[in-house]
Amino acid sequence: MLDHGKMKNASSKISNQKAPTDPALVLIFDNLKLVKDNFVTLQQERHRADYDNSKMWSRTQVFEAIIQAQDAMKAWTGIRNDEMAQDYLLDLLGGR
């Protein structure tokens, strides 16, 4: 059901958006950007882990990836009900 290419494209849209000037939206935007950045990075690392058998992963690298995922989930929990986050979620799932 999830198309990682579409999800990466949806995440790229956030990178291309200008940060809001409304102070109430800045924190939401920053958290959404953290979710997006971590999603893209972790997706790339997962792909490497699955298909690049020459890559050796240290415990530290794995731990850092876990922390990135936890940070993204914590940020998402704080903004998930916001309209900006809901729009992003719809884009991740394939658009409206």
C-alpha atoms as a PDB file:
ATOM      1  CA  MET A   1       0.000   0.000   0.000  1.00  0.00           C
ATOM      2  CA  LEU A   2       2.889   2.369   0.706  1.00  0.00           C
ATOM      3  CA  ASP A   3       4.919   3.608  -2.243  1.00  0.00           C
ATOM      4  CA  HIS A   4       8.278   4.750  -0.924  1.00  0.00           C
ATOM      5  CA  GLY A   5       8.950   6.830  -4.042  1.00  0.00           C
ATOM      6  CA  LYS A   6       5.765   8.837  -3.491  1.00  0.00           C
ATOM      7  CA  MET A   7       6.573   9.116   0.189  1.00  0.00           C
ATOM      8  CA  LYS A   8      10.036  10.490  -0.582  1.00  0.00           C
ATOM      9  CA  ASN A   9       8.506  12.974  -3.049  1.00  0.00           C
ATOM     10  CA  ALA A  10       5.987  14.117  -0.451  1.00  0.00           C
ATOM     11  CA  SER A  11       8.833  14.604   1.990  1.00  0.00           C
ATOM     12  CA  SER A  12      10.769  16.642  -0.571  1.00  0.00           C
ATOM     13  CA  LYS A  13       7.839  19.056  -0.840  1.00  0.00           C
ATOM     14  CA  ILE A  14       8.426  20.067   2.777  1.00  0.00           C
ATOM     15  CA  SER A  15      12.049  20.908   1.961  1.00  0.00           C
ATOM     16  CA  ASN A  16      10.914  23.212  -0.822  1.00  0.00           C
ATOM     17  CA  GLN A  17       8.416  25.091   1.320  1.00  0.00           C
ATOM     18  CA  LYS A  18       9.315  28.360   2.951  1.00  0.00           C
ATOM     19  CA  ALA A  19       9.211  28.358   6.715  1.00  0.00           C
ATOM     20  CA  PRO A  20       6.082  30.052   8.030  1.00  0.00           C
ATOM     21  CA  THR A  21       6.361  33.516   9.506  1.00  0.00           C
ATOM     22  CA  ASP A  22       3.604  32.895  12.040  1.00  0.00           C
ATOM     23  CA  PRO A  23       5.407  32.043  15.320  1.00  0.00           C
ATOM     24  CA  ALA A  24       2.658  29.551  16.187  1.00  0.00           C
ATOM     25  CA  LEU A  25       3.441  27.543  13.047  1.00  0.00           C
ATOM     26  CA  VAL A  26       7.244  27.650  13.226  1.00  0.00           C
ATOM     27  CA  LEU A  27       7.498  24.839  15.808  1.00  0.00           C
ATOM     28  CA  ILE A  28       5.053  22.677  13.845  1.00  0.00           C
ATOM     29  CA  PHE A  29       6.998  23.274  10.632  1.00  0.00           C
ATOM     30  CA  ASP A  30      10.336  22.529  12.340  1.00  0.00           C
ATOM     31  CA  ASN A  31       8.989  19.278  13.791  1.00  0.00           C
ATOM     32  CA  LEU A  32       7.503  18.307  10.444  1.00  0.00           C
ATOM     33  CA  LYS A  33      10.852  19.001   8.784  1.00  0.00           C
ATOM     34  CA  LEU A  34      12.566  16.770  11.375  1.00  0.00           C
ATOM     35  CA  VAL A  35      10.080  13.981  10.623  1.00  0.00           C
ATOM     36  CA  LYS A  36      10.665  14.428   6.899  1.00  0.00           C
ATOM     37  CA  ASP A  37      14.454  14.557   7.154  1.00  0.00           C
ATOM     38  CA  ASN A  38      14.603  11.493   9.378  1.00  0.00           C
ATOM     39  CA  PHE A  39      12.160   9.608   7.151  1.00  0.00           C
ATOM     40  CA  VAL A  40      14.297  10.194   4.060  1.00  0.00           C
ATOM     41  CA  THR A  41      17.562   9.364   5.845  1.00  0.00           C
ATOM     42  CA  LEU A  42      16.192   6.223   7.463  1.00  0.00           C
ATOM     43  CA  GLN A  43      14.610   5.073   4.201  1.00  0.00           C
ATOM     44  CA  GLN A  44      17.990   5.409   2.467  1.00  0.00           C
ATOM     45  CA  GLU A  45      19.745   3.569   5.286  1.00  0.00           C
ATOM     46  CA  ARG A  46      17.165   0.779   5.213  1.00  0.00           C
ATOM     47  CA  HIS A  47      17.719   0.418   1.490  1.00  0.00           C
ATOM     48  CA  ARG A  48      21.483   0.234   2.060  1.00  0.00           C
ATOM     49  CA  ALA A  49      21.040  -2.343   4.803  1.00  0.00           C
ATOM     50  CA  ASP A  50      18.828  -4.503   2.584  1.00  0.00           C
ATOM     51  CA  TYR A  51      20.804  -4.341  -0.652  1.00  0.00           C
ATOM     52  CA  ASP A  52      24.430  -3.389   0.054  1.00  0.00           C
ATOM     53  CA  ASN A  53      26.040  -6.487   1.543  1.00  0.00           C
ATOM     54  CA  SER A  54      29.448  -4.801   1.597  1.00  0.00           C
ATOM     55  CA  LYS A  55      28.297  -2.308   4.247  1.00  0.00           C
ATOM     56  CA  MET A  56      29.209  -3.254   7.785  1.00  0.00           C
ATOM     57  CA  TRP A  57      27.052  -1.606  10.450  1.00  0.00           C
ATOM     58  CA  SER A  58      28.492  -0.766  13.834  1.00  0.00           C
ATOM     59  CA  ARG A  59      26.389  -0.837  16.984  1.00  0.00           C
ATOM     60  CA  THR A  60      26.793   2.933  17.171  1.00  0.00           C
ATOM     61  CA  GLN A  61      25.407   3.416  13.660  1.00  0.00           C
ATOM     62  CA  VAL A  62      22.430   1.198  14.421  1.00  0.00           C
ATOM     63  CA  PHE A  63      21.825   2.983  17.721  1.00  0.00           C
ATOM     64  CA  GLU A  64      21.954   6.374  15.940  1.00  0.00           C
ATOM     65  CA  ALA A  65      19.340   5.169  13.432  1.00  0.00           C
ATOM     66  CA  ILE A  66      17.108   4.021  16.280  1.00  0.00           C
ATOM     67  CA  ILE A  67      17.462   7.424  17.958  1.00  0.00           C
ATOM     68  CA  GLN A  68      16.543   9.142  14.662  1.00  0.00           C
ATOM     69  CA  ALA A  69      13.402   7.030  14.428  1.00  0.00           C
ATOM     70  CA  GLN A  70      12.506   7.780  18.047  1.00  0.00           C
ATOM     71  CA  ASP A  71      13.082  11.518  17.502  1.00  0.00           C
ATOM     72  CA  ALA A  72      10.837  11.475  14.438  1.00  0.00           C
ATOM     73  CA  MET A  73       8.090   9.625  16.300  1.00  0.00           C
ATOM     74  CA  LYS A  74       8.308  12.038  19.234  1.00  0.00           C
ATOM     75  CA  ALA A  75       8.108  15.031  16.881  1.00  0.00           C
ATOM     76  CA  TRP A  76       5.186  13.447  15.001  1.00  0.00           C
ATOM     77  CA  THR A  77       3.300  12.779  18.240  1.00  0.00           C
ATOM     78  CA  GLY A  78       3.461  16.486  19.059  1.00  0.00           C
ATOM     79  CA  ILE A  79       2.142  17.680  15.675  1.00  0.00           C
ATOM     80  CA  ARG A  80       0.074  14.816  14.268  1.00  0.00           C
ATOM     81  CA  ASN A  81      -3.264  16.565  14.792  1.00  0.00           C
ATOM     82  CA  ASP A  82      -2.161  19.806  13.153  1.00  0.00           C
ATOM     83  CA  GLU A  83      -3.490  20.585   9.677  1.00  0.00           C
ATOM     84  CA  MET A  84       0.023  20.891   8.216  1.00  0.00           C
ATOM     85  CA  ALA A  85       0.917  17.425   9.528  1.00  0.00           C
ATOM     86  CA  GLN A  86      -2.348  15.934   8.283  1.00  0.00           C
ATOM     87  CA  ASP A  87      -1.681  17.342   4.808  1.00  0.00           C
ATOM     88  CA  TYR A  88       1.753  15.735   4.865  1.00  0.00           C
ATOM     89  CA  LEU A  89       0.261  12.430   5.974  1.00  0.00           C
ATOM     90  CA  LEU A  90      -2.220  12.475   3.098  1.00  0.00           C
ATOM     91  CA  ASP A  91       0.622  13.186   0.687  1.00  0.00           C
ATOM     92  CA  LEU A  92       2.616  10.264   2.133  1.00  0.00           C
ATOM     93  CA  LEU A  93      -0.300   7.947   1.585  1.00  0.00           C
ATOM     94  CA  GLY A  94      -0.622   8.871  -2.064  1.00  0.00           C
ATOM     95  CA  GLY A  95      -2.324  12.214  -2.230  1.00  0.00           C
ATOM     96  CA  ARG A  96      -5.844  13.393  -1.899  1.00  0.00           C
END
